[in-house]
Amino acid sequence: ECRFLYVGSADSYGIDVSDPGPLKENCPLRPANPYAASK
């Protein structure tokens, strides 16, 4: 029995954040660099 935590990054949302207000888990991911895209 084993549980696994994958630690991603909010950088994966990218820099084209056009929606006002806070980002939520269901917002699209638009990574803008290899770090963000690989995560």
Full PDB file with SEQRES, HELIX, SHEET, SSBOND, CRYST1, ORIGX, SCALE, CONECT and MASTER records, all heavy atoms in Angstrom:
SEQRES   1 A   39  GLU CYS ARG PHE LEU TYR VAL GLY SER ALA ASP SER TYR          
SEQRES   2 A   39  GLY ILE ASP VAL SER ASP PRO GLY PRO LEU LYS GLU ASN          
SEQRES   3 A   39  CYS PRO LEU ARG PRO ALA ASN PRO TYR ALA ALA SER LYS          
HELIX    1 AA1 ALA A   10  TYR A   13  5                                   4    
HELIX    2 AA2 PRO A   34  SER A   38  1                                   5    
CRYST1    1.000    1.000    1.000  90.00  90.00  90.00 P 1           1          
ORIGX1      1.000000  0.000000  0.000000        0.00000                         
ORIGX2      0.000000  1.000000  0.000000        0.00000                         
ORIGX3      0.000000  0.000000  1.000000        0.00000                         
SCALE1      1.000000  0.000000  0.000000        0.00000                         
SCALE2      0.000000  1.000000  0.000000        0.00000                         
SCALE3      0.000000  0.000000  1.000000        0.00000                         
ATOM      1  N   GLU A   1       0.840  -1.188   0.000  1.00  0.00           N  
ATOM      2  CA  GLU A   1       0.000   0.000   0.000  1.00  0.00           C  
ATOM      3  C   GLU A   1       0.881   1.246   0.000  1.00  0.00           C  
ATOM      4  O   GLU A   1       1.743   1.412   0.850  1.00  0.00           O  
ATOM      5  CB  GLU A   1      -0.917   0.013   1.231  1.00  0.00           C  
ATOM      6  CG  GLU A   1      -1.978  -1.083   1.223  1.00  0.00           C  
ATOM      7  CD  GLU A   1      -2.959  -0.913   0.069  1.00  0.00           C  
ATOM      8  OE1 GLU A   1      -3.314   0.240  -0.244  1.00  0.00           O  
ATOM      9  OE2 GLU A   1      -3.348  -1.941  -0.526  1.00  0.00           O  
ATOM     10  N   CYS A   2       0.651   2.120  -0.968  1.00  0.00           N  
ATOM     11  CA  CYS A   2       1.491   3.314  -1.095  1.00  0.00           C  
ATOM     12  C   CYS A   2       0.664   4.439  -1.698  1.00  0.00           C  
ATOM     13  O   CYS A   2      -0.086   4.226  -2.660  1.00  0.00           O  
ATOM     14  CB  CYS A   2       2.706   3.011  -1.979  1.00  0.00           C  
ATOM     15  SG  CYS A   2       3.717   4.454  -2.379  1.00  0.00           S  
ATOM     16  N   ARG A   3       0.800   5.635  -1.137  1.00  0.00           N  
ATOM     17  CA  ARG A   3       0.188   6.835  -1.704  1.00  0.00           C  
ATOM     18  C   ARG A   3       1.300   7.742  -2.229  1.00  0.00           C  
ATOM     19  O   ARG A   3       2.376   7.816  -1.648  1.00  0.00           O  
ATOM     20  CB  ARG A   3      -0.669   7.560  -0.655  1.00  0.00           C  
ATOM     21  CG  ARG A   3      -1.975   6.827  -0.352  1.00  0.00           C  
ATOM     22  CD  ARG A   3      -2.676   7.408   0.856  1.00  0.00           C  
ATOM     23  NE  ARG A   3      -3.230   8.743   0.632  1.00  0.00           N  
ATOM     24  CZ  ARG A   3      -4.446   8.987   0.151  1.00  0.00           C  
ATOM     25  NH1 ARG A   3      -5.242   7.962  -0.179  1.00  0.00           N  
ATOM     26  NH2 ARG A   3      -4.887  10.228   0.015  1.00  0.00           N  
ATOM     27  N   PHE A   4       1.006   8.430  -3.335  1.00  0.00           N  
ATOM     28  CA  PHE A   4       2.029   9.181  -4.071  1.00  0.00           C  
ATOM     29  C   PHE A   4       1.573  10.622  -4.244  1.00  0.00           C  
ATOM     30  O   PHE A   4       0.452  10.879  -4.707  1.00  0.00           O  
ATOM     31  CB  PHE A   4       2.233   8.523  -5.434  1.00  0.00           C  
ATOM     32  CG  PHE A   4       3.305   9.130  -6.297  1.00  0.00           C  
ATOM     33  CD1 PHE A   4       4.547   8.531  -6.392  1.00  0.00           C  
ATOM     34  CD2 PHE A   4       3.060  10.285  -7.039  1.00  0.00           C  
ATOM     35  CE1 PHE A   4       5.540   9.075  -7.209  1.00  0.00           C  
ATOM     36  CE2 PHE A   4       4.036  10.831  -7.853  1.00  0.00           C  
ATOM     37  CZ  PHE A   4       5.290  10.222  -7.939  1.00  0.00           C  
ATOM     38  N   LEU A   5       2.443  11.574  -3.883  1.00  0.00           N  
ATOM     39  CA  LEU A   5       2.151  12.988  -4.105  1.00  0.00           C  
ATOM     40  C   LEU A   5       3.045  13.517  -5.215  1.00  0.00           C  
ATOM     41  O   LEU A   5       4.279  13.487  -5.094  1.00  0.00           O  
ATOM     42  CB  LEU A   5       2.380  13.812  -2.840  1.00  0.00           C  
ATOM     43  CG  LEU A   5       2.001  15.301  -2.998  1.00  0.00           C  
ATOM     44  CD1 LEU A   5       0.487  15.467  -2.910  1.00  0.00           C  
ATOM     45  CD2 LEU A   5       2.689  16.177  -1.962  1.00  0.00           C  
ATOM     46  N   TYR A   6       2.424  14.008  -6.274  1.00  0.00           N  
ATOM     47  CA  TYR A   6       3.170  14.687  -7.320  1.00  0.00           C  
ATOM     48  C   TYR A   6       3.061  16.189  -7.084  1.00  0.00           C  
ATOM     49  O   TYR A   6       1.959  16.741  -6.999  1.00  0.00           O  
ATOM     50  CB  TYR A   6       2.642  14.357  -8.718  1.00  0.00           C  
ATOM     51  CG  TYR A   6       3.293  15.242  -9.749  1.00  0.00           C  
ATOM     52  CD1 TYR A   6       4.625  15.050 -10.089  1.00  0.00           C  
ATOM     53  CD2 TYR A   6       2.614  16.326 -10.313  1.00  0.00           C  
ATOM     54  CE1 TYR A   6       5.265  15.897 -10.978  1.00  0.00           C  
ATOM     55  CE2 TYR A   6       3.243  17.172 -11.206  1.00  0.00           C  
ATOM     56  CZ  TYR A   6       4.575  16.953 -11.529  1.00  0.00           C  
ATOM     57  OH  TYR A   6       5.208  17.808 -12.390  1.00  0.00           O  
ATOM     58  N   VAL A   7       4.211  16.858  -6.999  1.00  0.00           N  
ATOM     59  CA  VAL A   7       4.240  18.301  -6.786  1.00  0.00           C  
ATOM     60  C   VAL A   7       4.471  18.998  -8.124  1.00  0.00           C  
ATOM     61  O   VAL A   7       5.556  18.924  -8.697  1.00  0.00           O  
ATOM     62  CB  VAL A   7       5.327  18.689  -5.765  1.00  0.00           C  
ATOM     63  CG1 VAL A   7       5.400  20.212  -5.633  1.00  0.00           C  
ATOM     64  CG2 VAL A   7       5.036  18.058  -4.411  1.00  0.00           C  
ATOM     65  N   GLY A   8       3.431  19.648  -8.615  1.00  0.00           N  
ATOM     66  CA  GLY A   8       3.516  20.395  -9.855  1.00  0.00           C  
ATOM     67  C   GLY A   8       3.870  21.838  -9.586  1.00  0.00           C  
ATOM     68  O   GLY A   8       4.597  22.162  -8.643  1.00  0.00           O  
ATOM     69  N   SER A   9       3.331  22.748 -10.394  1.00  0.00           N  
ATOM     70  CA  SER A   9       3.664  24.161 -10.235  1.00  0.00           C  
ATOM     71  C   SER A   9       2.578  25.038 -10.840  1.00  0.00           C  
ATOM     72  O   SER A   9       2.062  24.750 -11.922  1.00  0.00           O  
ATOM     73  CB  SER A   9       4.998  24.482 -10.916  1.00  0.00           C  
ATOM     74  OG  SER A   9       5.237  25.877 -10.916  1.00  0.00           O  
ATOM     75  N   ALA A  10       2.266  26.134 -10.151  1.00  0.00           N  
ATOM     76  CA  ALA A  10       1.332  27.117 -10.697  1.00  0.00           C  
ATOM     77  C   ALA A  10       1.922  27.831 -11.902  1.00  0.00           C  
ATOM     78  O   ALA A  10       1.188  28.479 -12.656  1.00  0.00           O  
ATOM     79  CB  ALA A  10       0.947  28.123  -9.622  1.00  0.00           C  
ATOM     80  N   ASP A  11       3.234  27.708 -12.126  1.00  0.00           N  
ATOM     81  CA  ASP A  11       3.839  28.262 -13.339  1.00  0.00           C  
ATOM     82  C   ASP A  11       3.221  27.653 -14.595  1.00  0.00           C  
ATOM     83  O   ASP A  11       3.278  28.249 -15.673  1.00  0.00           O  
ATOM     84  CB  ASP A  11       5.349  27.996 -13.349  1.00  0.00           C  
ATOM     85  CG  ASP A  11       6.148  29.181 -12.847  1.00  0.00           C  
ATOM     86  OD1 ASP A  11       5.531  30.123 -12.308  1.00  0.00           O  
ATOM     87  OD2 ASP A  11       7.379  29.168 -12.979  1.00  0.00           O  
ATOM     88  N   SER A  12       2.629  26.480 -14.456  1.00  0.00           N  
ATOM     89  CA  SER A  12       2.030  25.813 -15.604  1.00  0.00           C  
ATOM     90  C   SER A  12       0.818  26.569 -16.154  1.00  0.00           C  
ATOM     91  O   SER A  12       0.398  26.323 -17.288  1.00  0.00           O  
ATOM     92  CB  SER A  12       1.627  24.381 -15.237  1.00  0.00           C  
ATOM     93  OG  SER A  12       2.774  23.597 -14.951  1.00  0.00           O  
ATOM     94  N   TYR A  13       0.250  27.483 -15.371  1.00  0.00           N  
ATOM     95  CA  TYR A  13      -0.847  28.305 -15.890  1.00  0.00           C  
ATOM     96  C   TYR A  13      -0.349  29.270 -16.960  1.00  0.00           C  
ATOM     97  O   TYR A  13      -1.133  29.761 -17.775  1.00  0.00           O  
ATOM     98  CB  TYR A  13      -1.494  29.109 -14.760  1.00  0.00           C  
ATOM     99  CG  TYR A  13      -2.302  28.277 -13.795  1.00  0.00           C  
ATOM    100  CD1 TYR A  13      -1.974  28.225 -12.451  1.00  0.00           C  
ATOM    101  CD2 TYR A  13      -3.411  27.549 -14.227  1.00  0.00           C  
ATOM    102  CE1 TYR A  13      -2.705  27.468 -11.552  1.00  0.00           C  
ATOM    103  CE2 TYR A  13      -4.156  26.785 -13.342  1.00  0.00           C  
ATOM    104  CZ  TYR A  13      -3.798  26.748 -11.997  1.00  0.00           C  
ATOM    105  OH  TYR A  13      -4.530  25.995 -11.114  1.00  0.00           O  
ATOM    106  N   GLY A  14       0.934  29.569 -16.943  1.00  0.00           N  
ATOM    107  CA  GLY A  14       1.517  30.431 -17.953  1.00  0.00           C  
ATOM    108  C   GLY A  14       1.368  31.906 -17.651  1.00  0.00           C  
ATOM    109  O   GLY A  14       0.957  32.302 -16.559  1.00  0.00           O  
ATOM    110  N   ILE A  15       1.711  32.721 -18.625  1.00  0.00           N  
ATOM    111  CA  ILE A  15       1.691  34.175 -18.433  1.00  0.00           C  
ATOM    112  C   ILE A  15       0.515  34.836 -19.132  1.00  0.00           C  
ATOM    113  O   ILE A  15       0.262  36.021 -18.931  1.00  0.00           O  
ATOM    114  CB  ILE A  15       3.001  34.813 -18.939  1.00  0.00           C  
ATOM    115  CG1 ILE A  15       3.210  34.529 -20.419  1.00  0.00           C  
ATOM    116  CG2 ILE A  15       4.179  34.344 -18.119  1.00  0.00           C  
ATOM    117  CD1 ILE A  15       4.442  35.200 -20.996  1.00  0.00           C  
ATOM    118  N   ASP A  16      -0.223  34.074 -19.944  1.00  0.00           N  
ATOM    119  CA  ASP A  16      -1.384  34.638 -20.639  1.00  0.00           C  
ATOM    120  C   ASP A  16      -2.625  34.456 -19.779  1.00  0.00           C  
ATOM    121  O   ASP A  16      -3.578  33.771 -20.148  1.00  0.00           O  
ATOM    122  CB  ASP A  16      -1.570  33.974 -22.005  1.00  0.00           C  
ATOM    123  CG  ASP A  16      -0.379  34.208 -22.909  1.00  0.00           C  
ATOM    124  OD1 ASP A  16       0.134  35.340 -22.897  1.00  0.00           O  
ATOM    125  OD2 ASP A  16       0.031  33.272 -23.604  1.00  0.00           O  
ATOM    126  N   VAL A  17      -2.590  35.070 -18.605  1.00  0.00           N  
ATOM    127  CA  VAL A  17      -3.703  34.967 -17.663  1.00  0.00           C  
ATOM    128  C   VAL A  17      -4.630  36.146 -17.922  1.00  0.00           C  
ATOM    129  O   VAL A  17      -4.352  37.275 -17.533  1.00  0.00           O  
ATOM    130  CB  VAL A  17      -3.195  34.987 -16.205  1.00  0.00           C  
ATOM    131  CG1 VAL A  17      -4.368  34.901 -15.250  1.00  0.00           C  
ATOM    132  CG2 VAL A  17      -2.226  33.844 -15.975  1.00  0.00           C  
ATOM    133  N   SER A  18      -5.731  35.881 -18.620  1.00  0.00           N  
ATOM    134  CA  SER A  18      -6.621  36.970 -19.027  1.00  0.00           C  
ATOM    135  C   SER A  18      -7.862  37.081 -18.151  1.00  0.00           C  
ATOM    136  O   SER A  18      -8.495  38.134 -18.093  1.00  0.00           O  
ATOM    137  CB  SER A  18      -7.055  36.776 -20.484  1.00  0.00           C  
ATOM    138  OG  SER A  18      -7.669  35.514 -20.656  1.00  0.00           O  
ATOM    139  N   ASP A  19      -8.235  35.996 -17.471  1.00  0.00           N  
ATOM    140  CA  ASP A  19      -9.450  36.029 -16.658  1.00  0.00           C  
ATOM    141  C   ASP A  19      -9.205  36.806 -15.372  1.00  0.00           C  
ATOM    142  O   ASP A  19      -8.213  36.585 -14.686  1.00  0.00           O  
ATOM    143  CB  ASP A  19      -9.892  34.601 -16.312  1.00  0.00           C  
ATOM    144  CG  ASP A  19     -10.244  33.802 -17.548  1.00  0.00           C  
ATOM    145  OD1 ASP A  19     -10.662  34.427 -18.532  1.00  0.00           O  
ATOM    146  OD2 ASP A  19     -10.096  32.578 -17.521  1.00  0.00           O  
ATOM    147  N   PRO A  20     -10.100  37.724 -15.007  1.00  0.00           N  
ATOM    148  CA  PRO A  20      -9.937  38.446 -13.750  1.00  0.00           C  
ATOM    149  C   PRO A  20     -10.204  37.515 -12.564  1.00  0.00           C  
ATOM    150  O   PRO A  20     -10.899  36.517 -12.686  1.00  0.00           O  
ATOM    151  CB  PRO A  20     -11.001  39.542 -13.838  1.00  0.00           C  
ATOM    152  CG  PRO A  20     -12.055  38.982 -14.747  1.00  0.00           C  
ATOM    153  CD  PRO A  20     -11.318  38.139 -15.735  1.00  0.00           C  
ATOM    154  N   GLY A  21      -9.636  37.879 -11.430  1.00  0.00           N  
ATOM    155  CA  GLY A  21      -9.875  37.084 -10.231  1.00  0.00           C  
ATOM    156  C   GLY A  21      -8.872  35.974 -10.069  1.00  0.00           C  
ATOM    157  O   GLY A  21      -7.982  35.779 -10.901  1.00  0.00           O  
ATOM    158  N   PRO A  22      -8.991  35.209  -8.991  1.00  0.00           N  
ATOM    159  CA  PRO A  22      -7.991  34.185  -8.692  1.00  0.00           C  
ATOM    160  C   PRO A  22      -8.055  32.993  -9.639  1.00  0.00           C  
ATOM    161  O   PRO A  22      -9.121  32.637 -10.141  1.00  0.00           O  
ATOM    162  CB  PRO A  22      -8.357  33.764  -7.264  1.00  0.00           C  
ATOM    163  CG  PRO A  22      -9.824  34.028  -7.158  1.00  0.00           C  
ATOM    164  CD  PRO A  22     -10.056  35.272  -7.970  1.00  0.00           C  
ATOM    165  N   LEU A  23      -6.887  32.394  -9.874  1.00  0.00           N  
ATOM    166  CA  LEU A  23      -6.815  31.150 -10.644  1.00  0.00           C  
ATOM    167  C   LEU A  23      -7.377  30.010  -9.808  1.00  0.00           C  
ATOM    168  O   LEU A  23      -7.174  29.941  -8.596  1.00  0.00           O  
ATOM    169  CB  LEU A  23      -5.372  30.851 -11.021  1.00  0.00           C  
ATOM    170  CG  LEU A  23      -4.745  31.788 -12.053  1.00  0.00           C  
ATOM    171  CD1 LEU A  23      -3.233  31.636 -12.056  1.00  0.00           C  
ATOM    172  CD2 LEU A  23      -5.310  31.515 -13.441  1.00  0.00           C  
ATOM    173  N   LYS A  24      -8.057  29.093 -10.481  1.00  0.00           N  
ATOM    174  CA  LYS A  24      -8.610  27.910  -9.825  1.00  0.00           C  
ATOM    175  C   LYS A  24      -8.071  26.663 -10.515  1.00  0.00           C  
ATOM    176  O   LYS A  24      -7.514  26.735 -11.610  1.00  0.00           O  
ATOM    177  CB  LYS A  24     -10.137  27.930  -9.870  1.00  0.00           C  
ATOM    178  CG  LYS A  24     -10.763  29.122  -9.140  1.00  0.00           C  
ATOM    179  CD  LYS A  24     -12.273  29.099  -9.244  1.00  0.00           C  
ATOM    180  CE  LYS A  24     -12.898  30.323  -8.592  1.00  0.00           C  
ATOM    181  NZ  LYS A  24     -12.745  30.293  -7.123  1.00  0.00           N  
ATOM    182  N   GLU A  25      -8.275  25.520  -9.884  1.00  0.00           N  
ATOM    183  CA  GLU A  25      -7.714  24.267 -10.393  1.00  0.00           C  
ATOM    184  C   GLU A  25      -8.192  23.928 -11.805  1.00  0.00           C  
ATOM    185  O   GLU A  25      -7.494  23.239 -12.546  1.00  0.00           O  
ATOM    186  CB  GLU A  25      -8.063  23.115  -9.447  1.00  0.00           C  
ATOM    187  CG  GLU A  25      -7.265  23.081  -8.162  1.00  0.00           C  
ATOM    188  CD  GLU A  25      -7.823  23.941  -7.050  1.00  0.00           C  
ATOM    189  OE1 GLU A  25      -8.792  24.704  -7.317  1.00  0.00           O  
ATOM    190  OE2 GLU A  25      -7.315  23.883  -5.921  1.00  0.00           O  
ATOM    191  N   ASN A  26      -9.376  24.413 -12.183  1.00  0.00           N  
ATOM    192  CA  ASN A  26      -9.906  24.082 -13.514  1.00  0.00           C  
ATOM    193  C   ASN A  26      -9.523  25.083 -14.590  1.00  0.00           C  
ATOM    194  O   ASN A  26      -9.984  24.989 -15.734  1.00  0.00           O  
ATOM    195  CB  ASN A  26     -11.424  23.933 -13.457  1.00  0.00           C  
ATOM    196  CG  ASN A  26     -12.129  25.209 -12.999  1.00  0.00           C  
ATOM    197  OD1 ASN A  26     -11.476  26.207 -12.693  1.00  0.00           O  
ATOM    198  ND2 ASN A  26     -13.452  25.168 -12.931  1.00  0.00           N  
ATOM    199  N   CYS A  27      -8.661  26.051 -14.265  1.00  0.00           N  
ATOM    200  CA  CYS A  27      -8.194  26.998 -15.283  1.00  0.00           C  
ATOM    201  C   CYS A  27      -7.251  26.284 -16.262  1.00  0.00           C  
ATOM    202  O   CYS A  27      -6.529  25.364 -15.875  1.00  0.00           O  
ATOM    203  CB  CYS A  27      -7.468  28.168 -14.627  1.00  0.00           C  
ATOM    204  SG  CYS A  27      -8.564  29.307 -13.731  1.00  0.00           S  
ATOM    205  N   PRO A  28      -7.245  26.699 -17.524  1.00  0.00           N  
ATOM    206  CA  PRO A  28      -6.373  26.035 -18.512  1.00  0.00           C  
ATOM    207  C   PRO A  28      -4.902  26.262 -18.207  1.00  0.00           C  
ATOM    208  O   PRO A  28      -4.513  27.289 -17.647  1.00  0.00           O  
ATOM    209  CB  PRO A  28      -6.767  26.687 -19.837  1.00  0.00           C  
ATOM    210  CG  PRO A  28      -7.354  28.011 -19.448  1.00  0.00           C  
ATOM    211  CD  PRO A  28      -8.039  27.788 -18.141  1.00  0.00           C  
ATOM    212  N   LEU A  29      -4.088  25.274 -18.585  1.00  0.00           N  
ATOM    213  CA  LEU A  29      -2.641  25.374 -18.438  1.00  0.00           C  
ATOM    214  C   LEU A  29      -2.056  25.836 -19.764  1.00  0.00           C  
ATOM    215  O   LEU A  29      -2.263  25.201 -20.800  1.00  0.00           O  
ATOM    216  CB  LEU A  29      -2.046  24.026 -18.030  1.00  0.00           C  
ATOM    217  CG  LEU A  29      -2.610  23.400 -16.747  1.00  0.00           C  
ATOM    218  CD1 LEU A  29      -1.890  22.081 -16.438  1.00  0.00           C  
ATOM    219  CD2 LEU A  29      -2.497  24.352 -15.565  1.00  0.00           C  
ATOM    220  N   ARG A  30      -1.292  26.938 -19.712  1.00  0.00           N  
ATOM    221  CA  ARG A  30      -0.654  27.486 -20.920  1.00  0.00           C  
ATOM    222  C   ARG A  30       0.816  27.751 -20.613  1.00  0.00           C  
ATOM    223  O   ARG A  30       1.253  28.906 -20.582  1.00  0.00           O  
ATOM    224  CB  ARG A  30      -1.351  28.771 -21.349  1.00  0.00           C  
ATOM    225  CG  ARG A  30      -2.847  28.656 -21.633  1.00  0.00           C  
ATOM    226  CD  ARG A  30      -3.360  29.973 -22.187  1.00  0.00           C  
ATOM    227  NE  ARG A  30      -4.799  29.966 -22.428  1.00  0.00           N  
ATOM    228  CZ  ARG A  30      -5.702  30.468 -21.606  1.00  0.00           C  
ATOM    229  NH1 ARG A  30      -5.304  31.010 -20.461  1.00  0.00           N  
ATOM    230  NH2 ARG A  30      -6.984  30.439 -21.900  1.00  0.00           N  
ATOM    231  N   PRO A  31       1.599  26.722 -20.361  1.00  0.00           N  
ATOM    232  CA  PRO A  31       2.989  26.919 -19.926  1.00  0.00           C  
ATOM    233  C   PRO A  31       3.805  27.693 -20.955  1.00  0.00           C  
ATOM    234  O   PRO A  31       3.674  27.478 -22.160  1.00  0.00           O  
ATOM    235  CB  PRO A  31       3.510  25.498 -19.736  1.00  0.00           C  
ATOM    236  CG  PRO A  31       2.601  24.636 -20.562  1.00  0.00           C  
ATOM    237  CD  PRO A  31       1.264  25.294 -20.524  1.00  0.00           C  
ATOM    238  N   ALA A  32       4.691  28.578 -20.445  1.00  0.00           N  
ATOM    239  CA  ALA A  32       5.426  29.478 -21.329  1.00  0.00           C  
ATOM    240  C   ALA A  32       6.927  29.243 -21.340  1.00  0.00           C  
ATOM    241  O   ALA A  32       7.663  30.009 -21.955  1.00  0.00           O  
ATOM    242  CB  ALA A  32       5.143  30.931 -20.931  1.00  0.00           C  
ATOM    243  N   ASN A  33       7.398  28.189 -20.665  1.00  0.00           N  
ATOM    244  CA  ASN A  33       8.822  27.864 -20.674  1.00  0.00           C  
ATOM    245  C   ASN A  33       8.970  26.369 -20.430  1.00  0.00           C  
ATOM    246  O   ASN A  33       8.011  25.706 -20.010  1.00  0.00           O  
ATOM    247  CB  ASN A  33       9.578  28.690 -19.627  1.00  0.00           C  
ATOM    248  CG  ASN A  33       9.007  28.519 -18.236  1.00  0.00           C  
ATOM    249  OD1 ASN A  33       9.085  27.446 -17.656  1.00  0.00           O  
ATOM    250  ND2 ASN A  33       8.433  29.589 -17.675  1.00  0.00           N  
ATOM    251  N   PRO A  34      10.131  25.798 -20.696  1.00  0.00           N  
ATOM    252  CA  PRO A  34      10.302  24.344 -20.532  1.00  0.00           C  
ATOM    253  C   PRO A  34      10.044  23.860 -19.110  1.00  0.00           C  
ATOM    254  O   PRO A  34       9.530  22.753 -18.923  1.00  0.00           O  
ATOM    255  CB  PRO A  34      11.759  24.113 -20.947  1.00  0.00           C  
ATOM    256  CG  PRO A  34      12.053  25.223 -21.904  1.00  0.00           C  
ATOM    257  CD  PRO A  34      11.308  26.416 -21.369  1.00  0.00           C  
ATOM    258  N   TYR A  35      10.414  24.655 -18.098  1.00  0.00           N  
ATOM    259  CA  TYR A  35      10.120  24.242 -16.721  1.00  0.00           C  
ATOM    260  C   TYR A  35       8.617  24.068 -16.534  1.00  0.00           C  
ATOM    261  O   TYR A  35       8.152  23.008 -16.086  1.00  0.00           O  
ATOM    262  CB  TYR A  35      10.645  25.281 -15.722  1.00  0.00           C  
ATOM    263  CG  TYR A  35      10.052  25.106 -14.352  1.00  0.00           C  
ATOM    264  CD1 TYR A  35      10.413  24.025 -13.543  1.00  0.00           C  
ATOM    265  CD2 TYR A  35       9.104  26.010 -13.861  1.00  0.00           C  
ATOM    266  CE1 TYR A  35       9.836  23.848 -12.289  1.00  0.00           C  
ATOM    267  CE2 TYR A  35       8.534  25.838 -12.611  1.00  0.00           C  
ATOM    268  CZ  TYR A  35       8.902  24.761 -11.828  1.00  0.00           C  
ATOM    269  OH  TYR A  35       8.327  24.584 -10.590  1.00  0.00           O  
ATOM    270  N   ALA A  36       7.837  25.096 -16.860  1.00  0.00           N  
ATOM    271  CA  ALA A  36       6.396  25.041 -16.659  1.00  0.00           C  
ATOM    272  C   ALA A  36       5.753  23.939 -17.496  1.00  0.00           C  
ATOM    273  O   ALA A  36       4.853  23.226 -17.032  1.00  0.00           O  
ATOM    274  CB  ALA A  36       5.781  26.394 -16.998  1.00  0.00           C  
ATOM    275  N   ALA A  37       6.215  23.781 -18.737  1.00  0.00           N  
ATOM    276  CA  ALA A  37       5.640  22.767 -19.618  1.00  0.00           C  
ATOM    277  C   ALA A  37       5.976  21.357 -19.144  1.00  0.00           C  
ATOM    278  O   ALA A  37       5.133  20.448 -19.176  1.00  0.00           O  
ATOM    279  CB  ALA A  37       6.137  22.980 -21.044  1.00  0.00           C  
ATOM    280  N   SER A  38       7.204  21.158 -18.679  1.00  0.00           N  
ATOM    281  CA  SER A  38       7.587  19.824 -18.203  1.00  0.00           C  
ATOM    282  C   SER A  38       6.820  19.458 -16.934  1.00  0.00           C  
ATOM    283  O   SER A  38       6.456  18.293 -16.741  1.00  0.00           O  
ATOM    284  CB  SER A  38       9.096  19.769 -17.947  1.00  0.00           C  
ATOM    285  OG  SER A  38       9.483  20.683 -16.934  1.00  0.00           O  
ATOM    286  N   LYS A  39       6.550  20.447 -16.080  1.00  0.00           N  
ATOM    287  CA  LYS A  39       5.764  20.174 -14.873  1.00  0.00           C  
ATOM    288  C   LYS A  39       4.307  19.865 -15.235  1.00  0.00           C  
ATOM    289  O   LYS A  39       3.680  18.987 -14.635  1.00  0.00           O  
ATOM    290  CB  LYS A  39       5.834  21.366 -13.921  1.00  0.00           C  
ATOM    291  CG  LYS A  39       7.226  21.663 -13.376  1.00  0.00           C  
ATOM    292  CD  LYS A  39       7.759  20.527 -12.508  1.00  0.00           C  
ATOM    293  CE  LYS A  39       7.165  20.555 -11.113  1.00  0.00           C  
ATOM    294  NZ  LYS A  39       7.784  19.524 -10.235  1.00  0.00           N  
TER     295      LYS A  39                                                      
MASTER        0    0    0    2    0    0    0    6  294    1    0    3          
END                                                                             
